[in-house]
């Protein structure tokens, strides 16, 4: 297994060198531009969904503790 991991690591480290030898300008590839509105929308949705998930877990955990204490 360690032999495989060292081979993968060597391959990943040599890939940029191979691209440079072939004169592929991989480091300066043109990046697609995106409107800032979409980035902000993604951030708001991501944070909102994450916060909603944790709020759901927190509320559900609180209800299950209350149901458990009512039975005693």
PDB file of N, CA and C in Angstrom:
ATOM      1  N   UNK A   1       0.824  -1.187   0.000  1.00  0.00           N
ATOM      2  CA  UNK A   1       0.000   0.000   0.000  1.00  0.00           C
ATOM      3  C   UNK A   1       0.868   1.251   0.000  1.00  0.00           C
ATOM      4  N   UNK A   2       1.925   1.257   0.805  1.00  0.00           N
ATOM      5  CA  UNK A   2       2.796   2.429   0.846  1.00  0.00           C
ATOM      6  C   UNK A   2       3.509   2.618  -0.491  1.00  0.00           C
ATOM      7  N   UNK A   3       3.759   1.542  -1.179  1.00  0.00           N
ATOM      8  CA  UNK A   3       4.385   1.629  -2.501  1.00  0.00           C
ATOM      9  C   UNK A   3       3.448   2.334  -3.480  1.00  0.00           C
ATOM     10  N   UNK A   4       2.177   2.009  -3.394  1.00  0.00           N
ATOM     11  CA  UNK A   4       1.179   2.646  -4.260  1.00  0.00           C
ATOM     12  C   UNK A   4       1.063   4.133  -3.935  1.00  0.00           C
ATOM     13  N   UNK A   5       0.992   4.475  -2.644  1.00  0.00           N
ATOM     14  CA  UNK A   5       0.865   5.878  -2.241  1.00  0.00           C
ATOM     15  C   UNK A   5       2.085   6.693  -2.652  1.00  0.00           C
ATOM     16  N   UNK A   6       3.268   6.112  -2.539  1.00  0.00           N
ATOM     17  CA  UNK A   6       4.457   6.846  -2.958  1.00  0.00           C
ATOM     18  C   UNK A   6       4.474   7.023  -4.478  1.00  0.00           C
ATOM     19  N   UNK A   7       3.963   6.049  -5.215  1.00  0.00           N
ATOM     20  CA  UNK A   7       3.890   6.184  -6.666  1.00  0.00           C
ATOM     21  C   UNK A   7       2.899   7.272  -7.066  1.00  0.00           C
ATOM     22  N   UNK A   8       1.760   7.330  -6.376  1.00  0.00           N
ATOM     23  CA  UNK A   8       0.763   8.365  -6.663  1.00  0.00           C
ATOM     24  C   UNK A   8       1.329   9.742  -6.329  1.00  0.00           C
ATOM     25  N   UNK A   9       1.998   9.856  -5.196  1.00  0.00           N
ATOM     26  CA  UNK A   9       2.588  11.137  -4.798  1.00  0.00           C
ATOM     27  C   UNK A   9       3.638  11.583  -5.807  1.00  0.00           C
ATOM     28  N   UNK A  10       4.479  10.672  -6.259  1.00  0.00           N
ATOM     29  CA  UNK A  10       5.493  11.006  -7.258  1.00  0.00           C
ATOM     30  C   UNK A  10       4.848  11.430  -8.564  1.00  0.00           C
ATOM     31  N   UNK A  11       3.789  10.746  -8.958  1.00  0.00           N
ATOM     32  CA  UNK A  11       3.080  11.107 -10.195  1.00  0.00           C
ATOM     33  C   UNK A  11       2.475  12.504 -10.095  1.00  0.00           C
ATOM     34  N   UNK A  12       1.827  12.797  -8.967  1.00  0.00           N
ATOM     35  CA  UNK A  12       1.199  14.107  -8.803  1.00  0.00           C
ATOM     36  C   UNK A  12       2.232  15.232  -8.739  1.00  0.00           C
ATOM     37  N   UNK A  13       3.393  14.948  -8.159  1.00  0.00           N
ATOM     38  CA  UNK A  13       4.426  15.975  -8.097  1.00  0.00           C
ATOM     39  C   UNK A  13       5.097  16.184  -9.447  1.00  0.00           C
ATOM     40  N   UNK A  14       5.141  15.150 -10.273  1.00  0.00           N
ATOM     41  CA  UNK A  14       5.819  15.280 -11.564  1.00  0.00           C
ATOM     42  C   UNK A  14       4.896  15.803 -12.660  1.00  0.00           C
ATOM     43  N   UNK A  15       3.598  15.834 -12.431  1.00  0.00           N
ATOM     44  CA  UNK A  15       2.669  16.314 -13.455  1.00  0.00           C
ATOM     45  C   UNK A  15       2.920  17.769 -13.855  1.00  0.00           C
ATOM     46  N   UNK A  16       3.104  18.696 -12.913  1.00  0.00           N
ATOM     47  CA  UNK A  16       3.397  20.072 -13.329  1.00  0.00           C
ATOM     48  C   UNK A  16       4.729  20.183 -14.068  1.00  0.00           C
ATOM     49  N   UNK A  17       5.697  19.362 -13.684  1.00  0.00           N
ATOM     50  CA  UNK A  17       6.983  19.391 -14.376  1.00  0.00           C
ATOM     51  C   UNK A  17       6.832  18.904 -15.815  1.00  0.00           C
ATOM     52  N   UNK A  18       6.006  17.883 -16.003  1.00  0.00           N
ATOM     53  CA  UNK A  18       5.763  17.370 -17.347  1.00  0.00           C
ATOM     54  C   UNK A  18       5.081  18.427 -18.209  1.00  0.00           C
ATOM     55  N   UNK A  19       4.119  19.144 -17.631  1.00  0.00           N
ATOM     56  CA  UNK A  19       3.425  20.196 -18.371  1.00  0.00           C
ATOM     57  C   UNK A  19       4.385  21.311 -18.745  1.00  0.00           C
ATOM     58  N   UNK A  20       5.315  21.637 -17.839  1.00  0.00           N
ATOM     59  CA  UNK A  20       6.291  22.688 -18.134  1.00  0.00           C
ATOM     60  C   UNK A  20       7.258  22.243 -19.219  1.00  0.00           C
ATOM     61  N   UNK A  21       7.619  20.969 -19.212  1.00  0.00           N
ATOM     62  CA  UNK A  21       8.536  20.466 -20.239  1.00  0.00           C
ATOM     63  C   UNK A  21       7.880  20.492 -21.613  1.00  0.00           C
ATOM     64  N   UNK A  22       6.598  20.246 -21.679  1.00  0.00           N
ATOM     65  CA  UNK A  22       5.886  20.236 -22.953  1.00  0.00           C
ATOM     66  C   UNK A  22       5.451  21.642 -23.363  1.00  0.00           C
ATOM     67  N   UNK A  23       5.877  22.631 -22.577  1.00  0.00           N
ATOM     68  CA  UNK A  23       5.572  24.028 -22.838  1.00  0.00           C
ATOM     69  C   UNK A  23       4.073  24.298 -22.869  1.00  0.00           C
ATOM     70  N   UNK A  24       3.348  23.547 -22.056  1.00  0.00           N
ATOM     71  CA  UNK A  24       1.932  23.818 -21.868  1.00  0.00           C
ATOM     72  C   UNK A  24       1.840  24.877 -20.791  1.00  0.00           C
ATOM     73  N   UNK A  25       1.172  25.919 -21.056  1.00  0.00           N
ATOM     74  CA  UNK A  25       1.089  27.006 -20.094  1.00  0.00           C
ATOM     75  C   UNK A  25      -0.044  26.712 -19.120  1.00  0.00           C
ATOM     76  N   UNK A  26       0.094  25.656 -18.348  1.00  0.00           N
ATOM     77  CA  UNK A  26      -0.966  25.214 -17.447  1.00  0.00           C
ATOM     78  C   UNK A  26      -1.141  26.167 -16.273  1.00  0.00           C
ATOM     79  N   UNK A  27      -0.065  26.789 -15.832  1.00  0.00           N
ATOM     80  CA  UNK A  27      -0.165  27.670 -14.673  1.00  0.00           C
ATOM     81  C   UNK A  27      -0.915  28.953 -15.015  1.00  0.00           C
ATOM     82  N   UNK A  28      -0.872  29.365 -16.259  1.00  0.00           N
ATOM     83  CA  UNK A  28      -1.514  30.606 -16.667  1.00  0.00           C
ATOM     84  C   UNK A  28      -2.722  30.356 -17.565  1.00  0.00           C
ATOM     85  N   UNK A  29      -3.422  29.289 -17.292  1.00  0.00           N
ATOM     86  CA  UNK A  29      -4.605  28.982 -18.086  1.00  0.00           C
ATOM     87  C   UNK A  29      -5.667  30.047 -17.839  1.00  0.00           C
ATOM     88  N   UNK A  30      -6.419  30.403 -18.866  1.00  0.00           N
ATOM     89  CA  UNK A  30      -7.449  31.425 -18.661  1.00  0.00           C
ATOM     90  C   UNK A  30      -8.564  30.892 -17.766  1.00  0.00           C
ATOM     91  N   UNK A  31      -8.946  31.700 -16.813  1.00  0.00           N
ATOM     92  CA  UNK A  31      -9.999  31.305 -15.878  1.00  0.00           C
ATOM     93  C   UNK A  31     -11.329  31.867 -16.364  1.00  0.00           C
ATOM     94  N   UNK A  32     -12.363  31.081 -16.186  1.00  0.00           N
ATOM     95  CA  UNK A  32     -13.702  31.554 -16.529  1.00  0.00           C
ATOM     96  C   UNK A  32     -14.107  32.616 -15.517  1.00  0.00           C
ATOM     97  N   UNK A  33     -14.701  33.666 -16.009  1.00  0.00           N
ATOM     98  CA  UNK A  33     -15.140  34.714 -15.102  1.00  0.00           C
ATOM     99  C   UNK A  33     -16.609  34.495 -14.752  1.00  0.00           C
ATOM    100  N   UNK A  34     -16.940  34.798 -13.515  1.00  0.00           N
ATOM    101  CA  UNK A  34     -18.294  34.615 -13.011  1.00  0.00           C
ATOM    102  C   UNK A  34     -18.721  35.927 -12.367  1.00  0.00           C
ATOM    103  N   UNK A  35     -19.977  36.238 -12.530  1.00  0.00           N
ATOM    104  CA  UNK A  35     -20.499  37.445 -11.909  1.00  0.00           C
ATOM    105  C   UNK A  35     -20.466  37.299 -10.392  1.00  0.00           C
ATOM    106  N   UNK A  36     -20.193  38.404  -9.704  1.00  0.00           N
ATOM    107  CA  UNK A  36     -20.110  38.394  -8.248  1.00  0.00           C
ATOM    108  C   UNK A  36     -21.463  38.056  -7.636  1.00  0.00           C
ATOM    109  N   UNK A  37     -22.526  38.341  -8.347  1.00  0.00           N
ATOM    110  CA  UNK A  37     -23.871  38.039  -7.839  1.00  0.00           C
ATOM    111  C   UNK A  37     -24.022  36.546  -7.597  1.00  0.00           C
ATOM    112  N   UNK A  38     -23.523  35.729  -8.492  1.00  0.00           N
ATOM    113  CA  UNK A  38     -23.653  34.276  -8.347  1.00  0.00           C
ATOM    114  C   UNK A  38     -22.795  33.757  -7.200  1.00  0.00           C
ATOM    115  N   UNK A  39     -21.642  34.369  -6.992  1.00  0.00           N
ATOM    116  CA  UNK A  39     -20.789  33.963  -5.868  1.00  0.00           C
ATOM    117  C   UNK A  39     -21.473  34.297  -4.546  1.00  0.00           C
ATOM    118  N   UNK A  40     -22.030  35.493  -4.452  1.00  0.00           N
ATOM    119  CA  UNK A  40     -22.731  35.893  -3.230  1.00  0.00           C
ATOM    120  C   UNK A  40     -23.958  35.014  -3.011  1.00  0.00           C
ATOM    121  N   UNK A  41     -24.698  34.716  -4.070  1.00  0.00           N
ATOM    122  CA  UNK A  41     -25.866  33.845  -3.955  1.00  0.00           C
ATOM    123  C   UNK A  41     -25.463  32.462  -3.463  1.00  0.00           C
ATOM    124  N   UNK A  42     -24.379  31.928  -3.996  1.00  0.00           N
ATOM    125  CA  UNK A  42     -23.901  30.623  -3.545  1.00  0.00           C
ATOM    126  C   UNK A  42     -23.534  30.663  -2.070  1.00  0.00           C
ATOM    127  N   UNK A  43     -22.810  31.703  -1.660  1.00  0.00           N
ATOM    128  CA  UNK A  43     -22.398  31.813  -0.253  1.00  0.00           C
ATOM    129  C   UNK A  43     -23.606  31.913   0.672  1.00  0.00           C
ATOM    130  N   UNK A  44     -24.583  32.721   0.301  1.00  0.00           N
ATOM    131  CA  UNK A  44     -25.777  32.874   1.130  1.00  0.00           C
ATOM    132  C   UNK A  44     -26.535  31.554   1.227  1.00  0.00           C
ATOM    133  N   UNK A  45     -26.708  30.878   0.105  1.00  0.00           N
ATOM    134  CA  UNK A  45     -27.410  29.589   0.133  1.00  0.00           C
ATOM    135  C   UNK A  45     -26.633  28.548   0.933  1.00  0.00           C
ATOM    136  N   UNK A  46     -25.332  28.499   0.746  1.00  0.00           N
ATOM    137  CA  UNK A  46     -24.521  27.513   1.456  1.00  0.00           C
ATOM    138  C   UNK A  46     -24.591  27.736   2.961  1.00  0.00           C
ATOM    139  N   UNK A  47     -24.405  28.978   3.393  1.00  0.00           N
ATOM    140  CA  UNK A  47     -24.451  29.281   4.823  1.00  0.00           C
ATOM    141  C   UNK A  47     -25.862  29.059   5.368  1.00  0.00           C
ATOM    142  N   UNK A  48     -26.883  29.443   4.598  1.00  0.00           N
ATOM    143  CA  UNK A  48     -28.254  29.255   5.040  1.00  0.00           C
ATOM    144  C   UNK A  48     -28.630  27.789   5.185  1.00  0.00           C
ATOM    145  N   UNK A  49     -28.252  26.989   4.215  1.00  0.00           N
ATOM    146  CA  UNK A  49     -28.573  25.559   4.285  1.00  0.00           C
ATOM    147  C   UNK A  49     -27.815  24.896   5.430  1.00  0.00           C
ATOM    148  N   UNK A  50     -26.550  25.268   5.607  1.00  0.00           N
ATOM    149  CA  UNK A  50     -25.763  24.698   6.706  1.00  0.00           C
ATOM    150  C   UNK A  50     -26.345  25.089   8.056  1.00  0.00           C
ATOM    151  N   UNK A  51     -26.681  26.364   8.224  1.00  0.00           N
ATOM    152  CA  UNK A  51     -27.277  26.818   9.486  1.00  0.00           C
ATOM    153  C   UNK A  51     -28.634  26.157   9.713  1.00  0.00           C
ATOM    154  N   UNK A  52     -29.436  26.016   8.658  1.00  0.00           N
ATOM    155  CA  UNK A  52     -30.724  25.352   8.778  1.00  0.00           C
ATOM    156  C   UNK A  52     -30.586  23.901   9.194  1.00  0.00           C
ATOM    157  N   UNK A  53     -29.596  23.230   8.659  1.00  0.00           N
ATOM    158  CA  UNK A  53     -29.360  21.834   9.019  1.00  0.00           C
ATOM    159  C   UNK A  53     -29.019  21.702  10.497  1.00  0.00           C
ATOM    160  N   UNK A  54     -28.092  22.552  10.971  1.00  0.00           N
ATOM    161  CA  UNK A  54     -27.708  22.468  12.377  1.00  0.00           C
ATOM    162  C   UNK A  54     -28.844  22.902  13.295  1.00  0.00           C
ATOM    163  N   UNK A  55     -29.648  23.857  12.872  1.00  0.00           N
ATOM    164  CA  UNK A  55     -30.810  24.259  13.679  1.00  0.00           C
ATOM    165  C   UNK A  55     -31.812  23.110  13.764  1.00  0.00           C
ATOM    166  N   UNK A  56     -32.029  22.418  12.661  1.00  0.00           N
ATOM    167  CA  UNK A  56     -32.934  21.263  12.650  1.00  0.00           C
ATOM    168  C   UNK A  56     -32.432  20.176  13.603  1.00  0.00           C
ATOM    169  N   UNK A  57     -31.146  19.882  13.545  1.00  0.00           N
ATOM    170  CA  UNK A  57     -30.569  18.860  14.425  1.00  0.00           C
ATOM    171  C   UNK A  57     -30.699  19.292  15.885  1.00  0.00           C
ATOM    172  N   UNK A  58     -30.423  20.567  16.169  1.00  0.00           N
ATOM    173  CA  UNK A  58     -30.489  21.087  17.530  1.00  0.00           C
ATOM    174  C   UNK A  58     -31.923  21.027  18.066  1.00  0.00           C
ATOM    175  N   UNK A  59     -32.892  21.433  17.249  1.00  0.00           N
ATOM    176  CA  UNK A  59     -34.288  21.398  17.697  1.00  0.00           C
ATOM    177  C   UNK A  59     -34.784  19.964  17.859  1.00  0.00           C
ATOM    178  N   UNK A  60     -34.413  19.095  16.943  1.00  0.00           N
ATOM    179  CA  UNK A  60     -34.849  17.697  17.040  1.00  0.00           C
ATOM    180  C   UNK A  60     -34.239  17.034  18.268  1.00  0.00           C
ATOM    181  N   UNK A  61     -32.990  17.349  18.560  1.00  0.00           N
ATOM    182  CA  UNK A  61     -32.340  16.787  19.745  1.00  0.00           C
ATOM    183  C   UNK A  61     -33.007  17.305  21.013  1.00  0.00           C
ATOM    184  N   UNK A  62     -33.395  18.563  21.024  1.00  0.00           N
ATOM    185  CA  UNK A  62     -34.082  19.127  22.193  1.00  0.00           C
ATOM    186  C   UNK A  62     -35.435  18.494  22.412  1.00  0.00           C
ATOM    187  N   UNK A  63     -36.165  18.222  21.344  1.00  0.00           N
ATOM    188  CA  UNK A  63     -37.483  17.591  21.470  1.00  0.00           C
ATOM    189  C   UNK A  63     -37.363  16.152  21.958  1.00  0.00           C
ATOM    190  N   UNK A  64     -36.338  15.438  21.502  1.00  0.00           N
ATOM    191  CA  UNK A  64     -36.187  14.050  21.934  1.00  0.00           C
ATOM    192  C   UNK A  64     -35.778  13.986  23.399  1.00  0.00           C
ATOM    193  N   UNK A  65     -35.015  14.968  23.900  1.00  0.00           N
ATOM    194  CA  UNK A  65     -34.665  14.998  25.317  1.00  0.00           C
ATOM    195  C   UNK A  65     -35.890  15.321  26.160  1.00  0.00           C
ATOM    196  N   UNK A  66     -36.763  16.213  25.665  1.00  0.00           N
ATOM    197  CA  UNK A  66     -37.978  16.529  26.402  1.00  0.00           C
ATOM    198  C   UNK A  66     -38.916  15.340  26.460  1.00  0.00           C
ATOM    199  N   UNK A  67     -39.032  14.620  25.379  1.00  0.00           N
ATOM    200  CA  UNK A  67     -39.898  13.436  25.354  1.00  0.00           C
ATOM    201  C   UNK A  67     -39.363  12.368  26.295  1.00  0.00           C
ATOM    202  N   UNK A  68     -38.046  12.262  26.399  1.00  0.00           N
ATOM    203  CA  UNK A  68     -37.460  11.295  27.295  1.00  0.00           C
ATOM    204  C   UNK A  68     -37.653  11.661  28.757  1.00  0.00           C
ATOM    205  N   UNK A  69     -37.622  12.949  29.072  1.00  0.00           N
ATOM    206  CA  UNK A  69     -37.802  13.379  30.469  1.00  0.00           C
ATOM    207  C   UNK A  69     -39.269  13.317  30.880  1.00  0.00           C
ATOM    208  N   UNK A  70     -40.213  13.419  29.956  1.00  0.00           N
ATOM    209  CA  UNK A  70     -41.644  13.329  30.278  1.00  0.00           C
ATOM    210  C   UNK A  70     -42.025  11.913  30.690  1.00  0.00           C
ATOM    211  N   UNK A  71     -41.324  10.928  30.184  1.00  0.00           N
ATOM    212  CA  UNK A  71     -41.671   9.546  30.475  1.00  0.00           C
ATOM    213  C   UNK A  71     -41.267   9.149  31.884  1.00  0.00           C
ATOM    214  N   UNK A  72     -40.329   9.863  32.496  1.00  0.00           N
ATOM    215  CA  UNK A  72     -39.843   9.469  33.814  1.00  0.00           C
ATOM    216  C   UNK A  72     -40.743   9.920  34.908  1.00  0.00           C
TER     217      UNK A  72
END
